[in-house]
C-alpha atoms as a PDB file:
ATOM      1  CA  UNK A   1    -104.197 -31.793  12.142  1.00  0.00           C
ATOM      2  CA  UNK A   2    -101.163 -33.551  13.593  1.00  0.00           C
ATOM      3  CA  UNK A   3     -99.332 -33.553  10.250  1.00  0.00           C
ATOM      4  CA  UNK A   4    -100.091 -29.871   9.697  1.00  0.00           C
ATOM      5  CA  UNK A   5     -98.428 -29.116  13.029  1.00  0.00           C
ATOM      6  CA  UNK A   6     -95.412 -31.167  11.938  1.00  0.00           C
ATOM      7  CA  UNK A   7     -95.244 -29.206   8.686  1.00  0.00           C
ATOM      8  CA  UNK A   8     -95.382 -25.884  10.548  1.00  0.00           C
ATOM      9  CA  UNK A   9     -92.597 -27.078  12.866  1.00  0.00           C
ATOM     10  CA  UNK A  10     -90.444 -27.942   9.840  1.00  0.00           C
ATOM     11  CA  UNK A  11     -91.093 -24.500   8.324  1.00  0.00           C
ATOM     12  CA  UNK A  12     -90.099 -22.916  11.637  1.00  0.00           C
ATOM     13  CA  UNK A  13     -86.981 -25.081  11.529  1.00  0.00           C
ATOM     14  CA  UNK A  14     -86.147 -23.661   8.103  1.00  0.00           C
ATOM     15  CA  UNK A  15     -86.428 -20.134   9.514  1.00  0.00           C
ATOM     16  CA  UNK A  16     -84.176 -21.158  12.398  1.00  0.00           C
ATOM     17  CA  UNK A  17     -81.724 -22.736   9.944  1.00  0.00           C
ATOM     18  CA  UNK A  18     -81.533 -19.463   7.994  1.00  0.00           C
ATOM     19  CA  UNK A  19     -80.904 -17.547  11.227  1.00  0.00           C
ATOM     20  CA  UNK A  20     -78.179 -19.959  12.391  1.00  0.00           C
ATOM     21  CA  UNK A  21     -76.562 -19.948   8.950  1.00  0.00           C
ATOM     22  CA  UNK A  22     -76.510 -16.164   8.953  1.00  0.00           C
ATOM     23  CA  UNK A  23     -74.923 -16.094  12.410  1.00  0.00           C
ATOM     24  CA  UNK A  24     -72.272 -18.627  11.386  1.00  0.00           C
ATOM     25  CA  UNK A  25     -71.537 -16.603   8.267  1.00  0.00           C
ATOM     26  CA  UNK A  26     -71.118 -13.435  10.348  1.00  0.00           C
ATOM     27  CA  UNK A  27     -68.700 -15.190  12.699  1.00  0.00           C
ATOM     28  CA  UNK A  28     -66.811 -16.830   9.845  1.00  0.00           C
ATOM     29  CA  UNK A  29     -66.562 -20.350  11.228  1.00  0.00           C
ATOM     30  CA  UNK A  30     -63.513 -22.156   9.854  1.00  0.00           C
ATOM     31  CA  UNK A  31     -61.129 -24.826  11.016  1.00  0.00           C
ATOM     32  CA  UNK A  32     -58.352 -23.812   8.683  1.00  0.00           C
ATOM     33  CA  UNK A  33     -59.298 -26.239   5.919  1.00  0.00           C
ATOM     34  CA  UNK A  34     -60.953 -23.420   3.993  1.00  0.00           C
ATOM     35  CA  UNK A  35     -62.761 -24.387   0.828  1.00  0.00           C
ATOM     36  CA  UNK A  36     -63.238 -28.054   1.786  1.00  0.00           C
ATOM     37  CA  UNK A  37     -65.169 -27.134   4.922  1.00  0.00           C
ATOM     38  CA  UNK A  38     -67.195 -24.600   2.943  1.00  0.00           C
ATOM     39  CA  UNK A  39     -68.173 -27.208   0.325  1.00  0.00           C
ATOM     40  CA  UNK A  40     -69.124 -29.788   2.957  1.00  0.00           C
ATOM     41  CA  UNK A  41     -71.151 -27.178   4.831  1.00  0.00           C
ATOM     42  CA  UNK A  42     -72.933 -26.073   1.672  1.00  0.00           C
ATOM     43  CA  UNK A  43     -73.802 -29.644   0.699  1.00  0.00           C
ATOM     44  CA  UNK A  44     -75.065 -30.319   4.224  1.00  0.00           C
ATOM     45  CA  UNK A  45     -77.147 -27.126   4.108  1.00  0.00           C
ATOM     46  CA  UNK A  46     -78.709 -28.116   0.768  1.00  0.00           C
ATOM     47  CA  UNK A  47     -79.386 -31.644   2.041  1.00  0.00           C
ATOM     48  CA  UNK A  48     -81.071 -30.301   5.190  1.00  0.00           C
ATOM     49  CA  UNK A  49     -83.283 -27.911   3.212  1.00  0.00           C
ATOM     50  CA  UNK A  50     -84.274 -30.600   0.701  1.00  0.00           C
ATOM     51  CA  UNK A  51     -84.848 -33.030   3.570  1.00  0.00           C
ATOM     52  CA  UNK A  52     -87.186 -30.537   5.225  1.00  0.00           C
ATOM     53  CA  UNK A  53     -89.160 -30.102   2.009  1.00  0.00           C
ATOM     54  CA  UNK A  54     -89.295 -33.886   1.607  1.00  0.00           C
ATOM     55  CA  UNK A  55     -90.693 -34.195   5.123  1.00  0.00           C
ATOM     56  CA  UNK A  56     -93.345 -31.616   4.266  1.00  0.00           C
ATOM     57  CA  UNK A  57     -94.259 -33.600   1.127  1.00  0.00           C
ATOM     58  CA  UNK A  58     -94.317 -36.873   3.056  1.00  0.00           C
ATOM     59  CA  UNK A  59     -96.639 -35.469   5.699  1.00  0.00           C
ATOM     60  CA  UNK A  60     -98.810 -34.043   2.927  1.00  0.00           C
ATOM     61  CA  UNK A  61     -99.274 -37.598   1.612  1.00  0.00           C
ATOM     62  CA  UNK A  62    -100.474 -38.548   5.088  1.00  0.00           C
ATOM     63  CA  UNK A  63    -102.956 -35.646   5.132  1.00  0.00           C
ATOM     64  CA  UNK A  64    -104.302 -35.907   1.600  1.00  0.00           C
ATOM     65  CA  UNK A  65    -105.193 -39.043  -0.319  1.00  0.00           C
ATOM     66  CA  UNK A  66    -105.021 -37.165  -3.628  1.00  0.00           C
ATOM     67  CA  UNK A  67    -101.462 -35.846  -3.220  1.00  0.00           C
ATOM     68  CA  UNK A  68     -99.365 -37.361  -6.034  1.00  0.00           C
ATOM     69  CA  UNK A  69    -102.495 -38.964  -7.504  1.00  0.00           C
ATOM     70  CA  UNK A  70    -104.303 -35.949  -8.945  1.00  0.00           C
ATOM     71  CA  UNK A  71    -104.217 -35.784 -12.781  1.00  0.00           C
ATOM     72  CA  UNK A  72    -102.353 -32.445 -12.630  1.00  0.00           C
ATOM     73  CA  UNK A  73     -99.208 -34.399 -11.726  1.00  0.00           C
ATOM     74  CA  UNK A  74     -99.166 -35.722 -15.301  1.00  0.00           C
ATOM     75  CA  UNK A  75     -98.593 -32.174 -16.556  1.00  0.00           C
ATOM     76  CA  UNK A  76     -96.578 -30.963 -13.579  1.00  0.00           C
ATOM     77  CA  UNK A  77     -93.062 -31.320 -15.105  1.00  0.00           C
ATOM     78  CA  UNK A  78     -93.996 -28.876 -17.873  1.00  0.00           C
ATOM     79  CA  UNK A  79     -95.872 -26.520 -15.530  1.00  0.00           C
ATOM     80  CA  UNK A  80     -93.076 -26.410 -12.951  1.00  0.00           C
ATOM     81  CA  UNK A  81     -90.420 -26.009 -15.662  1.00  0.00           C
ATOM     82  CA  UNK A  82     -92.262 -22.942 -16.946  1.00  0.00           C
ATOM     83  CA  UNK A  83     -92.646 -21.567 -13.402  1.00  0.00           C
ATOM     84  CA  UNK A  84     -88.934 -22.195 -12.739  1.00  0.00           C
ATOM     85  CA  UNK A  85     -87.897 -20.473 -15.981  1.00  0.00           C
ATOM     86  CA  UNK A  86     -90.152 -17.460 -15.382  1.00  0.00           C
ATOM     87  CA  UNK A  87     -88.931 -17.206 -11.786  1.00  0.00           C
ATOM     88  CA  UNK A  88     -85.304 -17.271 -12.930  1.00  0.00           C
ATOM     89  CA  UNK A  89     -85.968 -14.575 -15.543  1.00  0.00           C
ATOM     90  CA  UNK A  90     -87.779 -12.467 -12.934  1.00  0.00           C
ATOM     91  CA  UNK A  91     -84.888 -12.926 -10.481  1.00  0.00           C
ATOM     92  CA  UNK A  92     -82.329 -11.868 -13.090  1.00  0.00           C
ATOM     93  CA  UNK A  93     -84.455  -8.843 -13.991  1.00  0.00           C
ATOM     94  CA  UNK A  94     -84.915  -7.969 -10.318  1.00  0.00           C
ATOM     95  CA  UNK A  95     -81.201  -8.258  -9.528  1.00  0.00           C
ATOM     96  CA  UNK A  96     -80.301  -6.199 -12.562  1.00  0.00           C
ATOM     97  CA  UNK A  97     -82.569  -3.327 -11.560  1.00  0.00           C
ATOM     98  CA  UNK A  98     -81.977  -2.724  -7.866  1.00  0.00           C
ATOM     99  CA  UNK A  99     -82.898  -6.004  -6.236  1.00  0.00           C
ATOM    100  CA  UNK A 100     -79.305  -6.799  -5.340  1.00  0.00           C
ATOM    101  CA  UNK A 101     -79.139  -3.882  -2.911  1.00  0.00           C
ATOM    102  CA  UNK A 102     -82.445  -4.952  -1.375  1.00  0.00           C
ATOM    103  CA  UNK A 103     -81.241  -8.532  -0.876  1.00  0.00           C
ATOM    104  CA  UNK A 104     -77.928  -7.271   0.504  1.00  0.00           C
ATOM    105  CA  UNK A 105     -79.720  -5.071   3.007  1.00  0.00           C
ATOM    106  CA  UNK A 106     -82.370  -7.629   4.016  1.00  0.00           C
ATOM    107  CA  UNK A 107     -80.505 -10.938   4.057  1.00  0.00           C
ATOM    108  CA  UNK A 108     -83.657 -12.815   5.002  1.00  0.00           C
ATOM    109  CA  UNK A 109     -84.840 -12.246   1.429  1.00  0.00           C
ATOM    110  CA  UNK A 110     -81.781 -14.129   0.193  1.00  0.00           C
ATOM    111  CA  UNK A 111     -82.744 -17.178   2.236  1.00  0.00           C
ATOM    112  CA  UNK A 112     -86.334 -16.872   1.068  1.00  0.00           C
ATOM    113  CA  UNK A 113     -85.142 -16.876  -2.553  1.00  0.00           C
ATOM    114  CA  UNK A 114     -82.845 -19.839  -1.912  1.00  0.00           C
ATOM    115  CA  UNK A 115     -85.683 -21.788  -0.292  1.00  0.00           C
ATOM    116  CA  UNK A 116     -88.057 -20.850  -3.109  1.00  0.00           C
ATOM    117  CA  UNK A 117     -85.755 -22.073  -5.872  1.00  0.00           C
ATOM    118  CA  UNK A 118     -84.831 -25.252  -3.997  1.00  0.00           C
ATOM    119  CA  UNK A 119     -88.550 -25.899  -3.415  1.00  0.00           C
ATOM    120  CA  UNK A 120     -89.403 -25.371  -7.093  1.00  0.00           C
ATOM    121  CA  UNK A 121     -86.521 -27.632  -8.140  1.00  0.00           C
ATOM    122  CA  UNK A 122     -87.646 -30.265  -5.635  1.00  0.00           C
ATOM    123  CA  UNK A 123     -91.238 -30.167  -6.935  1.00  0.00           C
ATOM    124  CA  UNK A 124     -89.892 -30.479 -10.487  1.00  0.00           C
ATOM    125  CA  UNK A 125     -87.879 -33.566  -9.537  1.00  0.00           C
ATOM    126  CA  UNK A 126     -90.859 -35.057  -7.639  1.00  0.00           C
ATOM    127  CA  UNK A 127     -93.003 -34.540 -10.741  1.00  0.00           C
ATOM    128  CA  UNK A 128     -90.421 -36.161 -13.008  1.00  0.00           C
ATOM    129  CA  UNK A 129     -89.925 -39.150 -10.705  1.00  0.00           C
ATOM    130  CA  UNK A 130     -93.706 -39.473 -10.419  1.00  0.00           C
ATOM    131  CA  UNK A 131     -94.187 -39.358 -14.170  1.00  0.00           C
ATOM    132  CA  UNK A 132     -91.467 -41.905 -14.923  1.00  0.00           C
ATOM    133  CA  UNK A 133     -92.195 -44.455 -12.205  1.00  0.00           C
ATOM    134  CA  UNK A 134     -95.572 -43.836 -10.581  1.00  0.00           C
ATOM    135  CA  UNK A 135     -96.773 -47.415 -11.103  1.00  0.00           C
ATOM    136  CA  UNK A 136     -93.635 -48.963  -9.595  1.00  0.00           C
ATOM    137  CA  UNK A 137     -93.116 -46.778  -6.517  1.00  0.00           C
ATOM    138  CA  UNK A 138     -95.154 -45.807  -3.486  1.00  0.00           C
ATOM    139  CA  UNK A 139     -95.674 -42.138  -2.649  1.00  0.00           C
ATOM    140  CA  UNK A 140     -93.033 -42.398   0.062  1.00  0.00           C
ATOM    141  CA  UNK A 141     -90.490 -43.897  -2.351  1.00  0.00           C
ATOM    142  CA  UNK A 142     -91.205 -41.163  -4.901  1.00  0.00           C
ATOM    143  CA  UNK A 143     -90.527 -38.499  -2.268  1.00  0.00           C
ATOM    144  CA  UNK A 144     -87.373 -40.261  -1.006  1.00  0.00           C
ATOM    145  CA  UNK A 145     -85.894 -40.694  -4.483  1.00  0.00           C
ATOM    146  CA  UNK A 146     -86.744 -37.168  -5.512  1.00  0.00           C
ATOM    147  CA  UNK A 147     -85.079 -35.794  -2.372  1.00  0.00           C
ATOM    148  CA  UNK A 148     -81.869 -37.683  -3.117  1.00  0.00           C
ATOM    149  CA  UNK A 149     -81.970 -36.670  -6.781  1.00  0.00           C
ATOM    150  CA  UNK A 150     -82.610 -33.029  -5.874  1.00  0.00           C
ATOM    151  CA  UNK A 151     -79.547 -32.937  -3.618  1.00  0.00           C
ATOM    152  CA  UNK A 152     -77.545 -34.537  -6.433  1.00  0.00           C
ATOM    153  CA  UNK A 153     -78.797 -32.003  -8.973  1.00  0.00           C
ATOM    154  CA  UNK A 154     -78.011 -29.112  -6.619  1.00  0.00           C
ATOM    155  CA  UNK A 155     -74.505 -30.487  -6.018  1.00  0.00           C
ATOM    156  CA  UNK A 156     -73.871 -30.807  -9.757  1.00  0.00           C
ATOM    157  CA  UNK A 157     -75.227 -27.311 -10.402  1.00  0.00           C
ATOM    158  CA  UNK A 158     -73.058 -25.894  -7.621  1.00  0.00           C
ATOM    159  CA  UNK A 159     -69.883 -27.574  -8.863  1.00  0.00           C
ATOM    160  CA  UNK A 160     -70.540 -26.564 -12.472  1.00  0.00           C
ATOM    161  CA  UNK A 161     -71.023 -22.933 -11.458  1.00  0.00           C
END
């Protein structure tokens, strides 16, 4: 029960983070260094979100003995890749046919979508790290490495785009 409360607190923290980020965006916080501050802020934001998801995963390992042991984790990279691809196609379809106005009007949906895709990417990385090194690493090490790799992947994706 204790770890469930911790997980709920982290989820509430993610909601608070979205609210604070939205308020900072409305104010337009800047120290005059422009793009550099924006990049650092974005990387910090991604690291905080991934860190929160990693905490949720870590506490799930404390709650459940079968987390990261169940046989489904053998197939999870393929399953999550398909879910990620279908979600991306659905998002593109949605944005093409009126979803952009909806997200612009209700900015909370934007943060929900960001969190969803970061979560799916994080689960994909956890599954890949698990599959490649499950016998060598503890559950905690798998979650730590996948968190670091997820932030790295997000940074590379951001700089490529």
